Structure formats: C-alpha cells, structure tokens
PDB file of N, CA and C in Angstrom:
ATOM      1  N   MET A   1       0.821  -1.144  -0.130  1.00  0.00           N
ATOM      2  CA  MET A   1      -0.228  -0.182   0.013  1.00  0.00           C
ATOM      3  C   MET A   1       1.192   1.430   0.298  1.00  0.00           C
ATOM      4  N   ALA A   2       0.587   2.382  -0.908  1.00  0.00           N
ATOM      5  CA  ALA A   2       1.269   3.631  -0.731  1.00  0.00           C
ATOM      6  C   ALA A   2       1.330   4.145   0.589  1.00  0.00           C
ATOM      7  N   THR A   3       2.332   5.319   0.996  1.00  0.00           N
ATOM      8  CA  THR A   3       2.580   5.545   2.484  1.00  0.00           C
ATOM      9  C   THR A   3       1.191   6.809   2.339  1.00  0.00           C
ATOM     10  N   ALA A   4       1.222   6.705   3.671  1.00  0.00           N
ATOM     11  CA  ALA A   4       0.210   7.667   4.139  1.00  0.00           C
ATOM     12  C   ALA A   4       0.662   9.039   4.635  1.00  0.00           C
ATOM     13  N   ASP A   5       0.796   9.718   3.072  1.00  0.00           N
ATOM     14  CA  ASP A   5       0.940  10.926   3.082  1.00  0.00           C
ATOM     15  C   ASP A   5      -0.015  12.060   3.120  1.00  0.00           C
ATOM     16  N   ALA A   6      -1.355  11.396   2.920  1.00  0.00           N
ATOM     17  CA  ALA A   6      -2.655  12.325   2.514  1.00  0.00           C
ATOM     18  C   ALA A   6      -3.326  12.699   3.767  1.00  0.00           C
ATOM     19  N   MET A   7      -3.969  13.918   4.089  1.00  0.00           N
ATOM     20  CA  MET A   7      -4.569  13.998   5.103  1.00  0.00           C
ATOM     21  C   MET A   7      -6.232  14.372   5.123  1.00  0.00           C
ATOM     22  N   VAL A   8      -7.325  13.832   6.026  1.00  0.00           N
ATOM     23  CA  VAL A   8      -8.801  13.765   6.031  1.00  0.00           C
ATOM     24  C   VAL A   8      -9.062  15.187   6.669  1.00  0.00           C
ATOM     25  N   THR A   9      -9.002  16.142   7.238  1.00  0.00           N
ATOM     26  CA  THR A   9      -9.868  16.664   7.745  1.00  0.00           C
ATOM     27  C   THR A   9     -11.653  16.739   8.268  1.00  0.00           C
ATOM     28  N   ALA A  10     -11.717  16.539   9.913  1.00  0.00           N
ATOM     29  CA  ALA A  10     -13.380  16.559   9.963  1.00  0.00           C
ATOM     30  C   ALA A  10     -13.401  17.363  11.179  1.00  0.00           C
ATOM     31  N   ARG A  11     -14.922  17.919  10.973  1.00  0.00           N
ATOM     32  CA  ARG A  11     -15.475  19.346  11.719  1.00  0.00           C
ATOM     33  C   ARG A  11     -15.811  18.797  12.825  1.00  0.00           C
ATOM     34  N   MET A  12     -15.743  19.158  14.007  1.00  0.00           N
ATOM     35  CA  MET A  12     -16.602  18.495  14.971  1.00  0.00           C
ATOM     36  C   MET A  12     -16.414  19.387  16.603  1.00  0.00           C
ATOM     37  N   SER A  13     -17.314  19.299  17.467  1.00  0.00           N
ATOM     38  CA  SER A  13     -16.883  20.188  18.744  1.00  0.00           C
ATOM     39  C   SER A  13     -15.943  19.621  19.506  1.00  0.00           C
ATOM     40  N   PRO A  14     -14.758  20.438  20.391  1.00  0.00           N
ATOM     41  CA  PRO A  14     -14.057  20.177  20.853  1.00  0.00           C
ATOM     42  C   PRO A  14     -14.306  18.688  21.914  1.00  0.00           C
ATOM     43  N   GLU A  15     -15.658  18.627  22.376  1.00  0.00           N
ATOM     44  CA  GLU A  15     -15.992  17.902  23.920  1.00  0.00           C
ATOM     45  C   GLU A  15     -16.025  16.656  23.334  1.00  0.00           C
ATOM     46  N   LYS A  16     -16.611  16.684  21.783  1.00  0.00           N
ATOM     47  CA  LYS A  16     -16.490  15.458  21.195  1.00  0.00           C
ATOM     48  C   LYS A  16     -15.736  14.914  21.094  1.00  0.00           C
ATOM     49  N   LYS A  17     -14.289  15.675  20.604  1.00  0.00           N
ATOM     50  CA  LYS A  17     -13.146  15.086  19.728  1.00  0.00           C
ATOM     51  C   LYS A  17     -12.304  14.823  21.391  1.00  0.00           C
ATOM     52  N   GLU A  18     -12.268  15.276  22.134  1.00  0.00           N
ATOM     53  CA  GLU A  18     -11.260  15.105  23.429  1.00  0.00           C
ATOM     54  C   GLU A  18     -12.365  13.375  23.859  1.00  0.00           C
ATOM     55  N   MET A  19     -13.388  13.575  24.077  1.00  0.00           N
ATOM     56  CA  MET A  19     -14.196  12.250  24.638  1.00  0.00           C
ATOM     57  C   MET A  19     -14.375  11.139  23.599  1.00  0.00           C
ATOM     58  N   GLY A  20     -14.048  11.225  22.656  1.00  0.00           N
ATOM     59  CA  GLY A  20     -13.639  10.451  21.123  1.00  0.00           C
ATOM     60  C   GLY A  20     -11.987   9.841  20.958  1.00  0.00           C
ATOM     61  N   ASN A  21     -11.310  10.709  20.903  1.00  0.00           N
ATOM     62  CA  ASN A  21      -9.922  10.214  21.632  1.00  0.00           C
ATOM     63  C   ASN A  21      -9.600   9.530  22.878  1.00  0.00           C
ATOM     64  N   ARG A  22     -10.451   9.971  23.771  1.00  0.00           N
ATOM     65  CA  ARG A  22     -10.464   9.162  25.305  1.00  0.00           C
ATOM     66  C   ARG A  22     -10.592   7.712  25.077  1.00  0.00           C
ATOM     67  N   ILE A  23     -11.803   7.560  24.449  1.00  0.00           N
ATOM     68  CA  ILE A  23     -12.626   6.321  24.150  1.00  0.00           C
ATOM     69  C   ILE A  23     -11.391   5.546  23.454  1.00  0.00           C
ATOM     70  N   LEU A  24     -11.072   5.693  22.026  1.00  0.00           N
ATOM     71  CA  LEU A  24     -10.453   5.611  21.565  1.00  0.00           C
ATOM     72  C   LEU A  24      -8.973   4.637  21.928  1.00  0.00           C
ATOM     73  N   GLU A  25      -8.753   5.755  23.019  1.00  0.00           N
ATOM     74  CA  GLU A  25      -7.178   5.232  23.413  1.00  0.00           C
ATOM     75  C   GLU A  25      -7.394   4.148  24.911  1.00  0.00           C
ATOM     76  N   ASP A  26      -8.407   4.098  24.701  1.00  0.00           N
ATOM     77  CA  ASP A  26      -8.754   3.184  25.814  1.00  0.00           C
ATOM     78  C   ASP A  26      -8.791   1.794  25.033  1.00  0.00           C
ATOM     79  N   LEU A  27      -9.699   2.009  24.109  1.00  0.00           N
ATOM     80  CA  LEU A  27      -9.749   0.829  23.247  1.00  0.00           C
ATOM     81  C   LEU A  27      -8.395   0.261  22.579  1.00  0.00           C
ATOM     82  N   GLY A  28      -7.555   1.223  22.692  1.00  0.00           N
ATOM     83  CA  GLY A  28      -5.884   0.429  22.310  1.00  0.00           C
ATOM     84  C   GLY A  28      -5.593   1.220  20.867  1.00  0.00           C
ATOM     85  N   THR A  29      -6.414   2.271  20.061  1.00  0.00           N
ATOM     86  CA  THR A  29      -6.385   2.778  19.117  1.00  0.00           C
ATOM     87  C   THR A  29      -6.241   4.455  19.157  1.00  0.00           C
ATOM     88  N   ASN A  30      -6.477   5.236  17.906  1.00  0.00           N
ATOM     89  CA  ASN A  30      -6.749   6.297  17.327  1.00  0.00           C
ATOM     90  C   ASN A  30      -7.312   7.079  16.316  1.00  0.00           C
ATOM     91  N   ALA A  31      -6.981   7.935  16.232  1.00  0.00           N
ATOM     92  CA  ALA A  31      -8.159   8.545  15.274  1.00  0.00           C
ATOM     93  C   ALA A  31      -7.761   7.982  13.561  1.00  0.00           C
ATOM     94  N   SER A  32      -6.797   8.392  14.029  1.00  0.00           N
ATOM     95  CA  SER A  32      -6.079   8.312  12.462  1.00  0.00           C
ATOM     96  C   SER A  32      -6.422   6.489  12.113  1.00  0.00           C
ATOM     97  N   GLN A  33      -6.385   5.606  12.590  1.00  0.00           N
ATOM     98  CA  GLN A  33      -6.219   4.378  12.715  1.00  0.00           C
ATOM     99  C   GLN A  33      -7.576   3.980  12.193  1.00  0.00           C
ATOM    100  N   VAL A  34      -8.603   4.482  13.135  1.00  0.00           N
ATOM    101  CA  VAL A  34     -10.335   4.379  13.153  1.00  0.00           C
ATOM    102  C   VAL A  34     -10.193   4.897  11.595  1.00  0.00           C
ATOM    103  N   ILE A  35     -10.586   5.904  11.373  1.00  0.00           N
ATOM    104  CA  ILE A  35     -10.434   6.435  10.275  1.00  0.00           C
ATOM    105  C   ILE A  35     -10.337   5.810   8.663  1.00  0.00           C
ATOM    106  N   ASN A  36      -8.630   5.252   8.784  1.00  0.00           N
ATOM    107  CA  ASN A  36      -7.821   4.352   8.088  1.00  0.00           C
ATOM    108  C   ASN A  36      -8.873   2.765   7.777  1.00  0.00           C
ATOM    109  N   GLN A  37      -9.347   1.968   8.890  1.00  0.00           N
ATOM    110  CA  GLN A  37     -10.217   1.180   8.774  1.00  0.00           C
ATOM    111  C   GLN A  37     -11.428   1.291   8.207  1.00  0.00           C
ATOM    112  N   LEU A  38     -12.072   3.001   8.706  1.00  0.00           N
ATOM    113  CA  LEU A  38     -13.513   3.340   8.053  1.00  0.00           C
ATOM    114  C   LEU A  38     -12.956   3.217   6.323  1.00  0.00           C
ATOM    115  N   TYR A  39     -12.026   4.030   6.181  1.00  0.00           N
ATOM    116  CA  TYR A  39     -12.152   3.925   5.006  1.00  0.00           C
ATOM    117  C   TYR A  39     -11.980   2.956   3.870  1.00  0.00           C
ATOM    118  N   ASP A  40     -10.854   2.009   4.002  1.00  0.00           N
ATOM    119  CA  ASP A  40     -10.645   0.245   3.576  1.00  0.00           C
ATOM    120  C   ASP A  40     -11.803  -0.453   3.590  1.00  0.00           C
ATOM    121  N   LEU A  41     -12.812  -0.085   4.772  1.00  0.00           N
ATOM    122  CA  LEU A  41     -14.266  -0.777   4.516  1.00  0.00           C
ATOM    123  C   LEU A  41     -14.987   0.314   3.394  1.00  0.00           C
ATOM    124  N   VAL A  42     -15.165   0.903   3.230  1.00  0.00           N
ATOM    125  CA  VAL A  42     -16.215   1.727   2.561  1.00  0.00           C
ATOM    126  C   VAL A  42     -15.899   1.413   1.148  1.00  0.00           C
ATOM    127  N   ILE A  43     -14.614   1.157   0.784  1.00  0.00           N
ATOM    128  CA  ILE A  43     -13.668   1.030  -0.214  1.00  0.00           C
ATOM    129  C   ILE A  43     -14.209  -0.329  -0.395  1.00  0.00           C
ATOM    130  N   GLU A  44     -13.880  -1.290   0.459  1.00  0.00           N
ATOM    131  CA  GLU A  44     -14.151  -2.566   0.002  1.00  0.00           C
ATOM    132  C   GLU A  44     -15.540  -3.245  -0.009  1.00  0.00           C
ATOM    133  N   LYS A  45     -16.223  -2.304   0.292  1.00  0.00           N
ATOM    134  CA  LYS A  45     -17.908  -2.611   0.241  1.00  0.00           C
ATOM    135  C   LYS A  45     -18.518  -1.203  -0.794  1.00  0.00           C
ATOM    136  N   ARG A  46     -18.158  -0.593  -0.755  1.00  0.00           N
ATOM    137  CA  ARG A  46     -18.718   0.442  -1.781  1.00  0.00           C
ATOM    138  C   ARG A  46     -19.589   1.063  -0.809  1.00  0.00           C
ATOM    139  N   ALA A  47     -20.016   1.188   0.201  1.00  0.00           N
ATOM    140  CA  ALA A  47     -21.368   1.548   0.769  1.00  0.00           C
ATOM    141  C   ALA A  47     -20.770   1.645   2.378  1.00  0.00           C
ATOM    142  N   LEU A  48     -21.729   2.677   3.310  1.00  0.00           N
ATOM    143  CA  LEU A  48     -21.383   2.953   4.883  1.00  0.00           C
ATOM    144  C   LEU A  48     -21.182   1.292   5.535  1.00  0.00           C
ATOM    145  N   PRO A  49     -20.608   1.147   6.839  1.00  0.00           N
ATOM    146  CA  PRO A  49     -20.771   0.248   7.528  1.00  0.00           C
ATOM    147  C   PRO A  49     -21.823   0.377   8.611  1.00  0.00           C
ATOM    148  N   PHE A  50     -22.531   1.657   8.329  1.00  0.00           N
ATOM    149  CA  PHE A  50     -23.463   1.704   9.670  1.00  0.00           C
ATOM    150  C   PHE A  50     -24.470   2.182   8.638  1.00  0.00           C
ATOM    151  N   PRO A  51     -26.281   2.044   9.363  1.00  0.00           N
ATOM    152  CA  PRO A  51     -27.546   2.466   8.414  1.00  0.00           C
ATOM    153  C   PRO A  51     -27.348   4.358   8.438  1.00  0.00           C
ATOM    154  N   GLU A  52     -27.575   4.079   7.037  1.00  0.00           N
ATOM    155  CA  GLU A  52     -27.752   5.830   6.717  1.00  0.00           C
ATOM    156  C   GLU A  52     -28.554   6.267   8.018  1.00  0.00           C
ATOM    157  N   ALA A  53     -28.483   7.672   7.720  1.00  0.00           N
ATOM    158  CA  ALA A  53     -29.557   8.564   8.473  1.00  0.00           C
ATOM    159  C   ALA A  53     -30.514   8.897   7.818  1.00  0.00           C
ATOM    160  N   LYS A  54     -31.743   8.159   7.622  1.00  0.00           N
ATOM    161  CA  LYS A  54     -32.901   9.085   6.957  1.00  0.00           C
ATOM    162  C   LYS A  54     -33.630   9.592   7.734  1.00  0.00           C
ATOM    163  N   PRO A  55     -34.449  10.587   7.086  1.00  0.00           N
ATOM    164  CA  PRO A  55     -35.458  11.752   7.909  1.00  0.00           C
ATOM    165  C   PRO A  55     -36.559  10.565   7.874  1.00  0.00           C
ATOM    166  N   GLN A  56     -36.806  10.783   9.140  1.00  0.00           N
ATOM    167  CA  GLN A  56     -38.299  10.110   9.184  1.00  0.00           C
ATOM    168  C   GLN A  56     -39.547  11.339   9.268  1.00  0.00           C
ATOM    169  N   PRO A  57     -40.300  10.686   8.264  1.00  0.00           N
ATOM    170  CA  PRO A  57     -41.457  11.319   8.522  1.00  0.00           C
ATOM    171  C   PRO A  57     -42.469  11.921   9.434  1.00  0.00           C
ATOM    172  N   ARG A  58     -42.779  13.087   9.394  1.00  0.00           N
ATOM    173  CA  ARG A  58     -43.166  13.156  10.714  1.00  0.00           C
ATOM    174  C   ARG A  58     -45.027  12.491  10.695  1.00  0.00           C
ATOM    175  N   THR A  59     -45.348  12.506  11.978  1.00  0.00           N
ATOM    176  CA  THR A  59     -47.033  11.635  12.340  1.00  0.00           C
ATOM    177  C   THR A  59     -47.178  12.815  13.041  1.00  0.00           C
ATOM    178  N   PHE A  60     -48.656  12.867  12.614  1.00  0.00           N
ATOM    179  CA  PHE A  60     -49.757  13.774  13.503  1.00  0.00           C
ATOM    180  C   PHE A  60     -50.526  12.781  13.995  1.00  0.00           C
ATOM    181  N   SER A  61     -50.849  13.844  15.248  1.00  0.00           N
ATOM    182  CA  SER A  61     -51.757  12.670  16.085  1.00  0.00           C
ATOM    183  C   SER A  61     -53.121  13.160  15.641  1.00  0.00           C
ATOM    184  N   PRO A  62     -54.514  12.340  15.949  1.00  0.00           N
ATOM    185  CA  PRO A  62     -55.705  12.722  15.177  1.00  0.00           C
ATOM    186  C   PRO A  62     -55.864  14.281  15.437  1.00  0.00           C
ATOM    187  N   GLN A  63     -55.590  14.806  17.109  1.00  0.00           N
ATOM    188  CA  GLN A  63     -56.007  15.871  17.228  1.00  0.00           C
ATOM    189  C   GLN A  63     -55.456  16.878  16.372  1.00  0.00           C
ATOM    190  N   GLU A  64     -53.957  16.885  15.864  1.00  0.00           N
ATOM    191  CA  GLU A  64     -53.587  17.792  15.312  1.00  0.00           C
ATOM    192  C   GLU A  64     -54.428  17.779  14.089  1.00  0.00           C
ATOM    193  N   ILE A  65     -54.319  16.937  13.547  1.00  0.00           N
ATOM    194  CA  ILE A  65     -55.303  16.664  12.172  1.00  0.00           C
ATOM    195  C   ILE A  65     -56.713  17.344  12.000  1.00  0.00           C
ATOM    196  N   ALA A  66     -57.351  16.922  13.368  1.00  0.00           N
ATOM    197  CA  ALA A  66     -58.402  18.075  12.811  1.00  0.00           C
ATOM    198  C   ALA A  66     -58.341  18.851  13.500  1.00  0.00           C
ATOM    199  N   GLU A  67     -57.519  19.935  14.447  1.00  0.00           N
ATOM    200  CA  GLU A  67     -57.088  21.552  14.211  1.00  0.00           C
ATOM    201  C   GLU A  67     -56.720  21.546  13.057  1.00  0.00           C
ATOM    202  N   ALA A  68     -56.405  20.813  12.049  1.00  0.00           N
ATOM    203  CA  ALA A  68     -55.595  21.564  11.131  1.00  0.00           C
ATOM    204  C   ALA A  68     -56.991  21.880   9.875  1.00  0.00           C
ATOM    205  N   LYS A  69     -57.743  20.904  10.301  1.00  0.00           N
ATOM    206  CA  LYS A  69     -58.975  20.549   9.331  1.00  0.00           C
ATOM    207  C   LYS A  69     -59.352  21.424   9.510  1.00  0.00           C
ATOM    208  N   ALA A  70     -59.931  21.956  10.788  1.00  0.00           N
ATOM    209  CA  ALA A  70     -60.739  22.573  11.375  1.00  0.00           C
ATOM    210  C   ALA A  70     -59.922  24.226  10.764  1.00  0.00           C
ATOM    211  N   TRP A  71     -59.213  24.451  10.718  1.00  0.00           N
ATOM    212  CA  TRP A  71     -58.496  26.074  10.718  1.00  0.00           C
ATOM    213  C   TRP A  71     -58.329  25.874   9.370  1.00  0.00           C
ATOM    214  N   VAL A  72     -58.294  24.960   8.367  1.00  0.00           N
ATOM    215  CA  VAL A  72     -58.548  25.170   6.881  1.00  0.00           C
ATOM    216  C   VAL A  72     -59.864  25.635   6.821  1.00  0.00           C
ATOM    217  N   GLN A  73     -60.712  25.192   7.162  1.00  0.00           N
ATOM    218  CA  GLN A  73     -62.215  25.053   6.918  1.00  0.00           C
ATOM    219  C   GLN A  73     -62.826  26.770   7.524  1.00  0.00           C
ATOM    220  N   SER A  74     -62.337  27.348   8.248  1.00  0.00           N
ATOM    221  CA  SER A  74     -62.792  28.664   8.586  1.00  0.00           C
ATOM    222  C   SER A  74     -61.626  29.512   7.595  1.00  0.00           C
ATOM    223  N   LEU A  75     -60.729  29.477   6.901  1.00  0.00           N
ATOM    224  CA  LEU A  75     -60.210  30.229   5.892  1.00  0.00           C
ATOM    225  C   LEU A  75     -62.009  30.758   5.210  1.00  0.00           C
ATOM    226  N   LYS A  76     -61.563  32.352   5.015  1.00  0.00           N
ATOM    227  CA  LYS A  76     -62.629  32.921   4.743  1.00  0.00           C
ATOM    228  C   LYS A  76     -62.343  32.362   2.987  1.00  0.00           C
ATOM    229  N   VAL A  77     -63.242  32.072   1.837  1.00  0.00           N
ATOM    230  CA  VAL A  77     -63.397  31.767   0.697  1.00  0.00           C
ATOM    231  C   VAL A  77     -63.601  32.828   0.114  1.00  0.00           C
ATOM    232  N   LEU A  78     -62.394  33.580  -0.611  1.00  0.00           N
ATOM    233  CA  LEU A  78     -62.589  34.718  -1.779  1.00  0.00           C
ATOM    234  C   LEU A  78     -63.624  34.530  -2.890  1.00  0.00           C
ATOM    235  N   PRO A  79     -64.217  35.230  -3.671  1.00  0.00           N
ATOM    236  CA  PRO A  79     -64.440  34.856  -4.703  1.00  0.00           C
ATOM    237  C   PRO A  79     -63.843  35.317  -5.948  1.00  0.00           C
ATOM    238  N   LEU A  80     -63.566  34.002  -6.628  1.00  0.00           N
ATOM    239  CA  LEU A  80     -63.128  34.112  -8.084  1.00  0.00           C
ATOM    240  C   LEU A  80     -63.366  34.760  -7.953  1.00  0.00           C
ATOM    241  N   ASP A  81     -62.431  35.484  -9.009  1.00  0.00           N
ATOM    242  CA  ASP A  81     -62.267  36.688 -10.276  1.00  0.00           C
ATOM    243  C   ASP A  81     -61.442  35.994 -11.767  1.00  0.00           C
ATOM    244  N   ASN A  82     -62.432  35.444 -12.482  1.00  0.00           N
ATOM    245  CA  ASN A  82     -62.164  35.313 -13.540  1.00  0.00           C
ATOM    246  C   ASN A  82     -61.651  36.655 -14.415  1.00  0.00           C
ATOM    247  N   HIS A  83     -61.638  37.507 -14.281  1.00  0.00           N
ATOM    248  CA  HIS A  83     -61.573  38.738 -14.974  1.00  0.00           C
ATOM    249  C   HIS A  83     -60.046  38.723 -16.435  1.00  0.00           C
ATOM    250  N   PHE A  84     -59.085  38.271 -15.549  1.00  0.00           N
ATOM    251  CA  PHE A  84     -58.123  38.022 -16.187  1.00  0.00           C
ATOM    252  C   PHE A  84     -57.623  37.114 -17.263  1.00  0.00           C
ATOM    253  N   ALA A  85     -58.896  36.705 -16.774  1.00  0.00           N
ATOM    254  CA  ALA A  85     -58.435  34.849 -17.469  1.00  0.00           C
ATOM    255  C   ALA A  85     -58.246  34.907 -18.985  1.00  0.00           C
ATOM    256  N   THR A  86     -59.085  36.104 -19.659  1.00  0.00           N
ATOM    257  CA  THR A  86     -59.079  35.979 -21.251  1.00  0.00           C
ATOM    258  C   THR A  86     -58.250  37.089 -21.520  1.00  0.00           C
ATOM    259  N   MET A  87     -57.506  37.940 -21.075  1.00  0.00           N
ATOM    260  CA  MET A  87     -56.707  38.695 -20.951  1.00  0.00           C
ATOM    261  C   MET A  87     -54.946  38.135 -21.616  1.00  0.00           C
ATOM    262  N   THR A  88     -54.245  38.896 -22.074  1.00  0.00           N
ATOM    263  CA  THR A  88     -53.047  38.499 -22.679  1.00  0.00           C
ATOM    264  C   THR A  88     -52.235  39.315 -21.203  1.00  0.00           C
ATOM    265  N   ASP A  89     -51.061  39.031 -21.485  1.00  0.00           N
ATOM    266  CA  ASP A  89     -50.211  39.579 -20.045  1.00  0.00           C
ATOM    267  C   ASP A  89     -49.884  41.159 -19.864  1.00  0.00           C
ATOM    268  N   ASP A  90     -49.644  41.439 -21.476  1.00  0.00           N
ATOM    269  CA  ASP A  90     -49.987  42.586 -21.835  1.00  0.00           C
ATOM    270  C   ASP A  90     -50.636  43.646 -21.486  1.00  0.00           C
ATOM    271  N   GLU A  91     -52.198  43.025 -22.099  1.00  0.00           N
ATOM    272  CA  GLU A  91     -53.326  43.559 -21.539  1.00  0.00           C
ATOM    273  C   GLU A  91     -53.300  43.923 -19.607  1.00  0.00           C
ATOM    274  N   ILE A  92     -52.965  42.322 -18.811  1.00  0.00           N
ATOM    275  CA  ILE A  92     -53.492  42.427 -17.524  1.00  0.00           C
ATOM    276  C   ILE A  92     -52.139  43.684 -16.777  1.00  0.00           C
ATOM    277  N   ARG A  93     -50.848  43.482 -17.499  1.00  0.00           N
ATOM    278  CA  ARG A  93     -50.019  45.147 -17.190  1.00  0.00           C
ATOM    279  C   ARG A  93     -50.885  46.185 -17.159  1.00  0.00           C
ATOM    280  N   ARG A  94     -51.295  46.707 -18.088  1.00  0.00           N
ATOM    281  CA  ARG A  94     -51.642  48.074 -18.538  1.00  0.00           C
ATOM    282  C   ARG A  94     -52.737  48.113 -17.615  1.00  0.00           C
ATOM    283  N   GLU A  95     -53.921  47.278 -17.414  1.00  0.00           N
ATOM    284  CA  GLU A  95     -55.039  47.322 -16.543  1.00  0.00           C
ATOM    285  C   GLU A  95     -54.404  47.520 -15.186  1.00  0.00           C
ATOM    286  N   ARG A  96     -53.475  47.007 -14.623  1.00  0.00           N
ATOM    287  CA  ARG A  96     -52.614  46.987 -13.807  1.00  0.00           C
ATOM    288  C   ARG A  96     -52.601  48.428 -13.105  1.00  0.00           C
ATOM    289  N   LEU A  97     -51.702  48.976 -14.244  1.00  0.00           N
ATOM    290  CA  LEU A  97     -50.938  50.568 -14.106  1.00  0.00           C
ATOM    291  C   LEU A  97     -52.398  50.845 -14.672  1.00  0.00           C
ATOM    292  N   ALA A  98     -53.025  50.905 -15.116  1.00  0.00           N
ATOM    293  CA  ALA A  98     -54.314  51.616 -15.129  1.00  0.00           C
ATOM    294  C   ALA A  98     -55.087  52.150 -14.008  1.00  0.00           C
ATOM    295  N   SER A  99     -55.592  51.076 -12.905  1.00  0.00           N
ATOM    296  CA  SER A  99     -55.782  50.716 -11.642  1.00  0.00           C
ATOM    297  C   SER A  99     -55.082  51.646 -10.759  1.00  0.00           C
ATOM    298  N   ARG A 100     -53.385  52.046 -11.123  1.00  0.00           N
ATOM    299  CA  ARG A 100     -52.715  52.746 -10.104  1.00  0.00           C
ATOM    300  C   ARG A 100     -52.432  54.151 -10.248  1.00  0.00           C
ATOM    301  N   GLY A 101     -53.060  54.279 -11.248  1.00  0.00           N
ATOM    302  CA  GLY A 101     -53.292  55.900 -12.243  1.00  0.00           C
ATOM    303  C   GLY A 101     -51.685  56.270 -13.056  1.00  0.00           C
ATOM    304  N   HIS A 102     -51.309  54.419 -13.296  1.00  0.00           N
ATOM    305  CA  HIS A 102     -50.113  55.341 -14.168  1.00  0.00           C
ATOM    306  C   HIS A 102     -50.446  55.102 -15.798  1.00  0.00           C
ATOM    307  N   PHE A 103     -51.270  54.606 -16.286  1.00  0.00           N
ATOM    308  CA  PHE A 103     -51.400  54.166 -17.841  1.00  0.00           C
ATOM    309  C   PHE A 103     -52.423  55.265 -18.149  1.00  0.00           C
ATOM    310  N   ASP A 104     -52.012  56.128 -19.667  1.00  0.00           N
ATOM    311  CA  ASP A 104     -52.804  57.202 -19.942  1.00  0.00           C
ATOM    312  C   ASP A 104     -53.278  56.629 -20.870  1.00  0.00           C
ATOM    313  N   GLY A 105     -53.333  55.842 -21.405  1.00  0.00           N
ATOM    314  CA  GLY A 105     -54.195  55.214 -22.580  1.00  0.00           C
ATOM    315  C   GLY A 105     -53.435  54.597 -23.701  1.00  0.00           C
ATOM    316  N   TRP A 106     -52.162  54.958 -23.359  1.00  0.00           N
ATOM    317  CA  TRP A 106     -51.168  54.390 -24.643  1.00  0.00           C
ATOM    318  C   TRP A 106     -50.795  52.835 -24.897  1.00  0.00           C
ATOM    319  N   GLU A 107     -51.499  52.747 -26.101  1.00  0.00           N
ATOM    320  CA  GLU A 107     -51.444  51.142 -26.935  1.00  0.00           C
ATOM    321  C   GLU A 107     -50.358  50.249 -27.345  1.00  0.00           C
ATOM    322  N   ALA A 108     -49.946  49.730 -26.830  1.00  0.00           N
ATOM    323  CA  ALA A 108     -48.530  49.574 -27.505  1.00  0.00           C
ATOM    324  C   ALA A 108     -48.882  48.753 -29.055  1.00  0.00           C
ATOM    325  N   GLN A 109     -47.706  48.844 -29.774  1.00  0.00           N
ATOM    326  CA  GLN A 109     -47.925  48.476 -30.958  1.00  0.00           C
ATOM    327  C   GLN A 109     -47.719  47.414 -31.734  1.00  0.00           C
TER     328      GLN A 109
END
C-alpha cells in the first residue's frame, strides 16, 4: 500500500473530539487508525458500515389533524375573479397600471 501522506479533516466540537479520543485510546487505537479502517471498509464494500440516517416522516396525532382541518375550513373563501382569464399578459399589465393611475391610454404597437 502507498505511504500515508494524505490528510482527512473533519469538523466537530472540541468536547466530542476529546471524549472520542479518550475512548479510542482506551480501546487501544486512535482517530487516524479508525478513519483508515473506515475508508478501507467503504472502499471494499462501496457502502457505509452503518445504517444511513434517513429523516423520518413526521406523524400527526388525530387531534393535530382535526385542528388543521378546522383551521383550513375556517379560512374565508374569496370569490374567484376570472376577469384576467382571457387577457394577455400585456393587457393585464396595462389594466394594473391604469388602476394605479400610471396608464394614460397608450396602446402597445
């Protein structure tokens, strides 16, 4: 195997590093040896040697669901204005400008 002259850097809290190093020392090893073993295993298996942490979908209690439904049903329903449905984007822009007093009747060419 090639000489060990490449470095791997990891960020963690000083407390975690200190506690981990103490435990590794008690186990008769150190961070470099453990990281080398981890890389060897990842290279060999092409996978992580521990379950990947996957976010768990949030579950909602029946009470939370009922409260959410009640809140949605309490929302005021506004009448649907299809006024703009048949207009082009330019026509909509001109009407909006006119409603703000910024349109003087100029028509696009």
